[in-house]
Amino acid sequence: MKAFLKNYRQAPRKVRLVAGLIRGKNVEEAVVLLNFLAKRARLPIKKLLLSAVANAAQMGIEKENLFIKELKVDKGIVMKRMMPAAMGTGHRINRRTSHLALVLGEKVVKKEKGKKPARNALHSDADREVKKVSIKKIGTKKK
């Protein structure tokens, strides 16, 4: 239920904007969100998500029970390029890449437990024994 994308040619800062929108959502909800998003990173993230769903299907897990447990966007390699500038000089341009790691989790359906009786019903006043304590005055002795 994992899928990885390495050296995706877009800056991690821009990819994280899309990743933050779908992190923690159901798979179906995330796919719908990615279909209507106007960001370049949506297509590779959608492809990565569908790849992870296919991996889960190979393990026999239903698509309806899956959610995005973890989606990390890390810095990849940086390709350094030069832009020609005035007087024979050059300015450096960094072509940044991203590494994406997607982990899907499976929802666990919780079984309802039987209701417990209220605490007051378990311990009624008749069951409790009350001890009476006498209080002595503490003071100094008179001479």
N, C-alpha and C. Protein backbone atom coordinates (compact mmCIF):
# COMPACT_ATOMS: atom_id res chain seq x y z
N MET A 1 0.82 -1.18 0.00
CA MET A 1 0.00 0.00 0.00
C MET A 1 0.87 1.25 0.00
N LYS A 2 2.02 1.12 -0.59
CA LYS A 2 2.94 2.24 -0.72
C LYS A 2 3.23 2.47 -2.19
N ALA A 3 3.55 3.72 -2.51
CA ALA A 3 3.98 4.04 -3.87
C ALA A 3 4.95 5.21 -3.77
N PHE A 4 5.94 5.21 -4.66
CA PHE A 4 6.98 6.24 -4.63
C PHE A 4 7.15 6.85 -6.01
N LEU A 5 7.47 8.13 -6.03
CA LEU A 5 7.81 8.84 -7.26
C LEU A 5 9.09 9.60 -6.97
N LYS A 6 10.13 9.30 -7.73
CA LYS A 6 11.43 9.93 -7.49
C LYS A 6 11.77 10.87 -8.63
N ASN A 7 12.46 11.95 -8.27
CA ASN A 7 12.97 12.93 -9.23
C ASN A 7 11.89 13.52 -10.13
N TYR A 8 10.75 13.84 -9.54
CA TYR A 8 9.70 14.53 -10.29
C TYR A 8 10.15 15.97 -10.51
N ARG A 9 10.13 16.45 -11.74
CA ARG A 9 10.75 17.71 -12.11
C ARG A 9 9.84 18.91 -11.82
N GLN A 10 9.60 19.12 -10.53
CA GLN A 10 8.92 20.32 -10.05
C GLN A 10 9.39 20.57 -8.63
N ALA A 11 9.42 21.83 -8.25
CA ALA A 11 9.94 22.20 -6.93
C ALA A 11 9.06 21.62 -5.82
N PRO A 12 9.68 21.12 -4.74
CA PRO A 12 8.90 20.55 -3.64
C PRO A 12 7.91 21.53 -3.03
N ARG A 13 8.26 22.79 -3.02
CA ARG A 13 7.39 23.81 -2.44
C ARG A 13 6.04 23.86 -3.16
N LYS A 14 6.07 23.69 -4.47
CA LYS A 14 4.84 23.73 -5.27
C LYS A 14 4.06 22.42 -5.16
N VAL A 15 4.77 21.31 -5.05
CA VAL A 15 4.11 20.00 -4.94
C VAL A 15 3.44 19.87 -3.57
N ARG A 16 4.04 20.46 -2.55
CA ARG A 16 3.47 20.37 -1.19
C ARG A 16 2.12 21.05 -1.09
N LEU A 17 1.86 22.05 -1.93
CA LEU A 17 0.56 22.71 -1.93
C LEU A 17 -0.55 21.72 -2.28
N VAL A 18 -0.31 20.87 -3.25
CA VAL A 18 -1.29 19.87 -3.66
C VAL A 18 -1.35 18.73 -2.64
N ALA A 19 -0.20 18.32 -2.14
CA ALA A 19 -0.14 17.21 -1.19
C ALA A 19 -0.90 17.54 0.09
N GLY A 20 -0.81 18.78 0.53
CA GLY A 20 -1.50 19.19 1.75
C GLY A 20 -3.01 19.14 1.62
N LEU A 21 -3.54 19.28 0.41
CA LEU A 21 -4.98 19.26 0.21
C LEU A 21 -5.58 17.86 0.35
N ILE A 22 -4.84 16.84 -0.04
CA ILE A 22 -5.43 15.49 -0.05
C ILE A 22 -4.95 14.62 1.11
N ARG A 23 -4.00 15.08 1.88
CA ARG A 23 -3.47 14.28 2.98
C ARG A 23 -4.59 14.00 4.00
N GLY A 24 -4.79 12.73 4.35
CA GLY A 24 -5.79 12.35 5.34
C GLY A 24 -7.17 12.07 4.78
N LYS A 25 -7.39 12.27 3.50
CA LYS A 25 -8.71 12.09 2.90
C LYS A 25 -8.90 10.66 2.39
N ASN A 26 -10.16 10.29 2.14
CA ASN A 26 -10.47 9.01 1.51
C ASN A 26 -9.89 9.01 0.10
N VAL A 27 -9.63 7.83 -0.43
CA VAL A 27 -9.05 7.73 -1.77
C VAL A 27 -10.00 8.30 -2.82
N GLU A 28 -11.28 7.94 -2.73
CA GLU A 28 -12.25 8.41 -3.72
C GLU A 28 -12.40 9.92 -3.67
N GLU A 29 -12.45 10.47 -2.48
CA GLU A 29 -12.57 11.92 -2.30
C GLU A 29 -11.34 12.64 -2.85
N ALA A 30 -10.17 12.05 -2.64
CA ALA A 30 -8.92 12.66 -3.11
C ALA A 30 -8.85 12.66 -4.64
N VAL A 31 -9.31 11.59 -5.27
CA VAL A 31 -9.29 11.51 -6.74
C VAL A 31 -10.20 12.58 -7.34
N VAL A 32 -11.39 12.76 -6.76
CA VAL A 32 -12.31 13.79 -7.24
C VAL A 32 -11.69 15.17 -7.07
N LEU A 33 -11.06 15.40 -5.94
CA LEU A 33 -10.41 16.70 -5.68
C LEU A 33 -9.29 16.96 -6.68
N LEU A 34 -8.51 15.94 -6.98
CA LEU A 34 -7.40 16.10 -7.92
C LEU A 34 -7.89 16.33 -9.36
N ASN A 35 -9.06 15.78 -9.69
CA ASN A 35 -9.60 15.97 -11.04
C ASN A 35 -9.91 17.43 -11.34
N PHE A 36 -10.33 18.18 -10.32
CA PHE A 36 -10.77 19.55 -10.54
C PHE A 36 -9.78 20.60 -10.06
N LEU A 37 -8.60 20.18 -9.68
CA LEU A 37 -7.59 21.11 -9.17
C LEU A 37 -6.81 21.71 -10.34
N ALA A 38 -6.49 23.00 -10.24
CA ALA A 38 -5.78 23.69 -11.33
C ALA A 38 -4.31 23.87 -10.98
N LYS A 39 -3.63 22.78 -10.69
CA LYS A 39 -2.20 22.81 -10.39
C LYS A 39 -1.51 21.74 -11.24
N ARG A 40 -0.27 22.02 -11.62
CA ARG A 40 0.46 21.08 -12.48
C ARG A 40 0.78 19.77 -11.75
N ALA A 41 0.99 19.83 -10.45
CA ALA A 41 1.39 18.64 -9.69
C ALA A 41 0.25 17.65 -9.48
N ARG A 42 -0.98 18.03 -9.85
CA ARG A 42 -2.11 17.14 -9.60
C ARG A 42 -2.04 15.85 -10.40
N LEU A 43 -1.54 15.92 -11.64
CA LEU A 43 -1.52 14.72 -12.49
C LEU A 43 -0.56 13.65 -11.98
N PRO A 44 0.71 13.97 -11.66
CA PRO A 44 1.57 12.91 -11.14
C PRO A 44 1.13 12.40 -9.77
N ILE A 45 0.54 13.28 -8.95
CA ILE A 45 0.07 12.82 -7.63
C ILE A 45 -1.13 11.89 -7.80
N LYS A 46 -2.01 12.21 -8.74
CA LYS A 46 -3.16 11.34 -9.01
C LYS A 46 -2.69 9.98 -9.52
N LYS A 47 -1.71 10.00 -10.42
CA LYS A 47 -1.16 8.76 -10.96
C LYS A 47 -0.50 7.92 -9.86
N LEU A 48 0.20 8.59 -8.95
CA LEU A 48 0.83 7.92 -7.81
C LEU A 48 -0.22 7.31 -6.89
N LEU A 49 -1.30 8.04 -6.66
CA LEU A 49 -2.39 7.57 -5.80
C LEU A 49 -3.05 6.33 -6.40
N LEU A 50 -3.31 6.36 -7.69
CA LEU A 50 -3.93 5.20 -8.35
C LEU A 50 -3.00 4.00 -8.37
N SER A 51 -1.70 4.24 -8.43
CA SER A 51 -0.72 3.16 -8.35
C SER A 51 -0.74 2.50 -6.97
N ALA A 52 -0.85 3.33 -5.92
CA ALA A 52 -0.92 2.79 -4.56
C ALA A 52 -2.22 2.01 -4.35
N VAL A 53 -3.31 2.47 -4.95
CA VAL A 53 -4.59 1.76 -4.86
C VAL A 53 -4.49 0.41 -5.56
N ALA A 54 -3.80 0.37 -6.71
CA ALA A 54 -3.59 -0.90 -7.42
C ALA A 54 -2.73 -1.85 -6.59
N ASN A 55 -1.74 -1.30 -5.88
CA ASN A 55 -0.92 -2.14 -4.99
C ASN A 55 -1.77 -2.73 -3.87
N ALA A 56 -2.70 -1.93 -3.34
CA ALA A 56 -3.58 -2.41 -2.28
C ALA A 56 -4.54 -3.47 -2.81
N ALA A 57 -5.00 -3.30 -4.04
CA ALA A 57 -5.91 -4.28 -4.65
C ALA A 57 -5.21 -5.63 -4.82
N GLN A 58 -3.91 -5.60 -5.11
CA GLN A 58 -3.14 -6.84 -5.22
C GLN A 58 -3.07 -7.57 -3.88
N MET A 59 -3.15 -6.80 -2.79
CA MET A 59 -3.12 -7.40 -1.46
C MET A 59 -4.51 -7.79 -0.97
N GLY A 60 -5.54 -7.51 -1.79
CA GLY A 60 -6.90 -7.90 -1.45
C GLY A 60 -7.62 -6.92 -0.55
N ILE A 61 -7.26 -5.66 -0.59
CA ILE A 61 -7.91 -4.65 0.24
C ILE A 61 -8.86 -3.83 -0.64
N GLU A 62 -10.07 -3.59 -0.13
CA GLU A 62 -11.06 -2.86 -0.90
C GLU A 62 -10.73 -1.37 -0.97
N LYS A 63 -11.08 -0.77 -2.09
CA LYS A 63 -10.78 0.65 -2.32
C LYS A 63 -11.56 1.56 -1.37
N GLU A 64 -12.76 1.13 -0.99
CA GLU A 64 -13.62 1.96 -0.13
C GLU A 64 -13.04 2.14 1.27
N ASN A 65 -12.20 1.21 1.71
CA ASN A 65 -11.65 1.26 3.07
C ASN A 65 -10.32 2.00 3.15
N LEU A 66 -9.84 2.54 2.04
CA LEU A 66 -8.51 3.16 2.02
C LEU A 66 -8.58 4.67 2.23
N PHE A 67 -7.58 5.18 2.91
CA PHE A 67 -7.40 6.62 3.05
C PHE A 67 -5.92 6.94 2.95
N ILE A 68 -5.61 8.21 2.71
CA ILE A 68 -4.21 8.62 2.56
C ILE A 68 -3.63 8.84 3.95
N LYS A 69 -2.84 7.88 4.38
CA LYS A 69 -2.27 7.92 5.73
C LYS A 69 -1.08 8.88 5.78
N GLU A 70 -0.26 8.84 4.75
CA GLU A 70 0.96 9.66 4.74
C GLU A 70 1.29 10.02 3.30
N LEU A 71 1.62 11.29 3.10
CA LEU A 71 2.07 11.75 1.79
C LEU A 71 3.20 12.74 2.03
N LYS A 72 4.43 12.25 1.80
CA LYS A 72 5.61 13.08 2.04
C LYS A 72 6.16 13.59 0.72
N VAL A 73 6.55 14.86 0.74
CA VAL A 73 7.21 15.47 -0.41
C VAL A 73 8.57 15.94 0.07
N ASP A 74 9.62 15.29 -0.41
CA ASP A 74 10.98 15.63 0.00
C ASP A 74 11.74 16.23 -1.18
N LYS A 75 12.84 16.87 -0.83
CA LYS A 75 13.69 17.49 -1.84
C LYS A 75 14.47 16.41 -2.58
N GLY A 76 14.49 16.50 -3.90
CA GLY A 76 15.27 15.58 -4.72
C GLY A 76 16.57 16.23 -5.14
N ILE A 77 17.12 15.76 -6.24
CA ILE A 77 18.36 16.35 -6.74
C ILE A 77 18.08 17.75 -7.28
N VAL A 78 19.11 18.58 -7.29
CA VAL A 78 19.01 19.94 -7.84
C VAL A 78 19.98 20.02 -9.02
N MET A 79 19.43 20.27 -10.21
CA MET A 79 20.26 20.42 -11.40
C MET A 79 20.63 21.89 -11.54
N LYS A 80 21.91 22.16 -11.62
CA LYS A 80 22.38 23.55 -11.69
C LYS A 80 22.62 23.94 -13.14
N ARG A 81 22.02 25.04 -13.54
CA ARG A 81 22.12 25.55 -14.90
C ARG A 81 22.58 27.00 -14.85
N MET A 82 23.03 27.52 -15.99
CA MET A 82 23.48 28.91 -16.06
C MET A 82 22.61 29.68 -17.05
N MET A 83 22.25 30.90 -16.64
CA MET A 83 21.54 31.83 -17.51
C MET A 83 22.52 32.92 -17.92
N PRO A 84 22.78 33.09 -19.20
CA PRO A 84 23.74 34.13 -19.62
C PRO A 84 23.28 35.51 -19.14
N ALA A 85 24.24 36.29 -18.66
CA ALA A 85 23.94 37.63 -18.16
C ALA A 85 24.90 38.62 -18.81
N ALA A 86 24.82 39.85 -18.42
CA ALA A 86 25.60 40.93 -19.04
C ALA A 86 27.09 40.74 -18.82
N MET A 87 27.88 41.26 -19.76
CA MET A 87 29.34 41.30 -19.68
C MET A 87 29.97 39.91 -19.56
N GLY A 88 29.38 38.95 -20.21
CA GLY A 88 29.97 37.62 -20.23
C GLY A 88 29.82 36.83 -18.94
N THR A 89 28.99 37.31 -18.02
CA THR A 89 28.78 36.58 -16.77
C THR A 89 27.56 35.68 -16.91
N GLY A 90 27.30 34.94 -15.87
CA GLY A 90 26.13 34.07 -15.87
C GLY A 90 25.53 33.98 -14.48
N HIS A 91 24.22 33.81 -14.45
CA HIS A 91 23.53 33.63 -13.18
C HIS A 91 23.11 32.17 -13.06
N ARG A 92 23.21 31.65 -11.85
CA ARG A 92 22.87 30.25 -11.62
C ARG A 92 21.34 30.09 -11.54
N ILE A 93 20.86 29.03 -12.16
CA ILE A 93 19.45 28.64 -12.06
C ILE A 93 19.43 27.23 -11.48
N ASN A 94 18.63 27.03 -10.45
CA ASN A 94 18.49 25.72 -9.83
C ASN A 94 17.21 25.06 -10.33
N ARG A 95 17.36 23.92 -10.97
CA ARG A 95 16.20 23.14 -11.41
C ARG A 95 15.94 22.10 -10.32
N ARG A 96 14.94 22.35 -9.52
CA ARG A 96 14.68 21.49 -8.35
C ARG A 96 13.79 20.31 -8.73
N THR A 97 13.98 19.21 -8.01
CA THR A 97 13.14 18.02 -8.20
C THR A 97 12.57 17.59 -6.85
N SER A 98 11.58 16.71 -6.90
CA SER A 98 10.89 16.26 -5.69
C SER A 98 10.84 14.74 -5.64
N HIS A 99 10.88 14.22 -4.42
CA HIS A 99 10.63 12.81 -4.17
C HIS A 99 9.31 12.72 -3.42
N LEU A 100 8.39 11.89 -3.90
CA LEU A 100 7.09 11.72 -3.25
C LEU A 100 6.98 10.30 -2.71
N ALA A 101 6.46 10.18 -1.50
CA ALA A 101 6.21 8.88 -0.88
C ALA A 101 4.77 8.87 -0.37
N LEU A 102 3.97 7.95 -0.87
CA LEU A 102 2.56 7.86 -0.52
C LEU A 102 2.30 6.55 0.20
N VAL A 103 1.65 6.63 1.36
CA VAL A 103 1.29 5.45 2.14
C VAL A 103 -0.22 5.49 2.37
N LEU A 104 -0.89 4.41 2.01
CA LEU A 104 -2.33 4.30 2.23
C LEU A 104 -2.58 3.50 3.50
N GLY A 105 -3.60 3.90 4.24
CA GLY A 105 -4.01 3.17 5.43
C GLY A 105 -5.39 2.58 5.21
N GLU A 106 -5.70 1.56 6.00
CA GLU A 106 -7.00 0.91 5.89
C GLU A 106 -7.84 1.29 7.10
N LYS A 107 -9.08 1.70 6.84
CA LYS A 107 -9.98 2.04 7.93
C LYS A 107 -10.41 0.76 8.63
N VAL A 108 -10.42 0.81 9.94
CA VAL A 108 -10.86 -0.33 10.73
C VAL A 108 -12.23 0.00 11.28
N VAL A 109 -13.20 -0.85 11.02
CA VAL A 109 -14.56 -0.63 11.51
C VAL A 109 -14.60 -1.07 12.96
N LYS A 110 -14.96 -0.14 13.83
CA LYS A 110 -15.01 -0.46 15.26
C LYS A 110 -16.34 -1.13 15.59
N LYS A 111 -16.27 -2.17 16.41
CA LYS A 111 -17.48 -2.84 16.85
C LYS A 111 -18.02 -2.11 18.07
N GLU A 112 -19.34 -1.98 18.13
CA GLU A 112 -19.95 -1.29 19.26
C GLU A 112 -19.97 -2.22 20.46
N LYS A 113 -19.55 -1.68 21.58
CA LYS A 113 -19.55 -2.46 22.81
C LYS A 113 -20.89 -2.26 23.50
N GLY A 114 -21.24 -3.21 24.36
CA GLY A 114 -22.46 -3.07 25.15
C GLY A 114 -22.32 -1.89 26.10
N LYS A 115 -23.45 -1.26 26.39
CA LYS A 115 -23.39 -0.10 27.26
C LYS A 115 -23.13 -0.53 28.69
N LYS A 116 -22.28 0.22 29.36
CA LYS A 116 -22.00 -0.05 30.76
C LYS A 116 -23.03 0.71 31.60
N PRO A 117 -23.44 0.13 32.72
CA PRO A 117 -24.37 0.87 33.59
C PRO A 117 -23.67 2.09 34.18
N ALA A 118 -24.47 3.05 34.55
CA ALA A 118 -23.91 4.28 35.10
C ALA A 118 -23.18 3.98 36.39
N ARG A 119 -22.21 4.80 36.71
CA ARG A 119 -21.40 4.59 37.91
C ARG A 119 -22.25 4.66 39.17
N ASN A 120 -23.20 5.55 39.22
CA ASN A 120 -24.05 5.69 40.41
C ASN A 120 -24.92 4.46 40.61
N ALA A 121 -25.31 3.80 39.54
CA ALA A 121 -26.13 2.60 39.66
C ALA A 121 -25.31 1.45 40.24
N LEU A 122 -24.03 1.41 39.95
CA LEU A 122 -23.18 0.34 40.49
C LEU A 122 -22.94 0.51 41.99
N HIS A 123 -22.77 1.72 42.40
CA HIS A 123 -22.44 1.99 43.80
C HIS A 123 -23.55 2.84 44.42
N SER A 124 -24.56 2.19 44.94
CA SER A 124 -25.64 2.94 45.58
C SER A 124 -25.24 3.27 47.02
N ASP A 125 -25.99 4.18 47.63
CA ASP A 125 -25.67 4.62 48.99
C ASP A 125 -25.85 3.50 50.01
N ALA A 126 -26.75 2.57 49.75
CA ALA A 126 -27.00 1.48 50.70
C ALA A 126 -25.78 0.55 50.79
N ASP A 127 -25.04 0.42 49.72
CA ASP A 127 -23.89 -0.48 49.70
C ASP A 127 -22.69 0.10 50.43
N ARG A 128 -22.63 1.39 50.53
CA ARG A 128 -21.47 2.03 51.14
C ARG A 128 -21.60 2.05 52.66
N GLU A 129 -20.51 1.82 53.29
CA GLU A 129 -20.48 1.94 54.75
C GLU A 129 -19.81 3.25 55.10
N VAL A 130 -20.45 3.97 55.98
CA VAL A 130 -19.92 5.27 56.37
C VAL A 130 -19.30 5.13 57.75
N LYS A 131 -18.06 5.52 57.86
CA LYS A 131 -17.37 5.48 59.15
C LYS A 131 -17.47 6.85 59.78
N LYS A 132 -17.78 6.86 61.07
CA LYS A 132 -17.82 8.12 61.79
C LYS A 132 -16.51 8.30 62.52
N VAL A 133 -15.95 9.44 62.36
CA VAL A 133 -14.66 9.73 62.97
C VAL A 133 -14.86 10.89 63.92
N SER A 134 -14.36 10.71 65.15
CA SER A 134 -14.45 11.81 66.11
C SER A 134 -13.19 12.66 65.99
N ILE A 135 -13.38 13.93 66.07
CA ILE A 135 -12.26 14.85 65.92
C ILE A 135 -11.92 15.43 67.29
N LYS A 136 -10.67 15.29 67.69
CA LYS A 136 -10.21 15.85 68.95
C LYS A 136 -9.60 17.21 68.68
N LYS A 137 -9.79 18.09 69.64
CA LYS A 137 -9.17 19.40 69.50
C LYS A 137 -7.70 19.28 69.84
N ILE A 138 -6.91 19.85 69.01
CA ILE A 138 -5.48 19.84 69.24
C ILE A 138 -5.08 21.24 69.66
N GLY A 139 -4.42 21.33 70.77
CA GLY A 139 -4.02 22.65 71.25
C GLY A 139 -2.81 22.54 72.15
N THR A 140 -2.44 23.65 72.76
CA THR A 140 -1.30 23.63 73.67
C THR A 140 -1.78 23.37 75.09
N LYS A 141 -0.92 22.77 75.90
CA LYS A 141 -1.26 22.49 77.29
C LYS A 141 -1.15 23.77 78.10
N LYS A 142 -2.10 23.94 79.03
CA LYS A 142 -2.04 25.10 79.90
C LYS A 142 -1.17 24.78 81.09
N LYS A 143 -0.39 25.72 81.53
CA LYS A 143 0.50 25.50 82.67
C LYS A 143 -0.04 26.08 83.93
